[in-house]
Amino acid sequence: MTTTTSTRGSARSSMIDLAYVAIFAALVIVFAFVSIPVGAAGVPVVLQNAVIVLAGLVLGGRRGFLAAALFLALGLVGLPVLAGGRSTLSALGGPTVGYLVGYLLSPAVAGALAYRARPRRRGEQIAWFSIAAAVGLLVQYACGILGLMWRSGLSLAEATVSQAPFILPALGKFAVMVIIALAVHAAFPDLLSRPKHPGK
């Protein structure tokens, strides 16, 4: 009876995890179509890269990674999952390929860091979630820089400088994601207190 109950509990937990992953993958895709024009030139600031890290902050490293993997996999079959209506497949051959790698890695890293915070310790949560978001952003930029060097032939300095106009908007976006993630965990504290899956 104990084994049966445990099996049922594990199956239910897996189904819940699958639902979380699917919901966040869909959310990331939806935000591919949200952009905010900034400045006289109207260069858009997209929210998708921040929502990807939000998946890690809310779901943890493993489930955040799976949400990113699912969203990118859907793009491999031609669905327009990326900003600008592009598919993952169309972006693989371009200079932004490094960001795709960053999209995959950043929720895993951010989630693993965020989930080091103990539930119901507000100050600790704020600190860990802020660090996690900053590192997630750094991972995306680092991968993007490497991709630009590879595909566009830019030097390290040139590729790094090209990120400068986007840093301040990105910091603002990621700060909002931290606030949202903290609010979600305040409403659902059990998300941070599931010890069976390390790194979640």
Foldseek 3Di string as FASTA:
>chain_A
DVVVVVVVVVVVVVVVLVVLLQVLLVVLQVQLADWAQDDPVRDTDGLSLLSLLLSLLQQFQPSSLSSLVVNLVVLCVPAQRHRPRHGNVVCCLALQVLLSVLSNRLSNQLNLQLLVAAFPPVVSNLVSNLVSLVVSVVSNLVSSLVSNCVNVVDDSVVSNVVCVVVVVVSNVSNVVSSVVSSVSCVVVVVSSVDPPDRRD
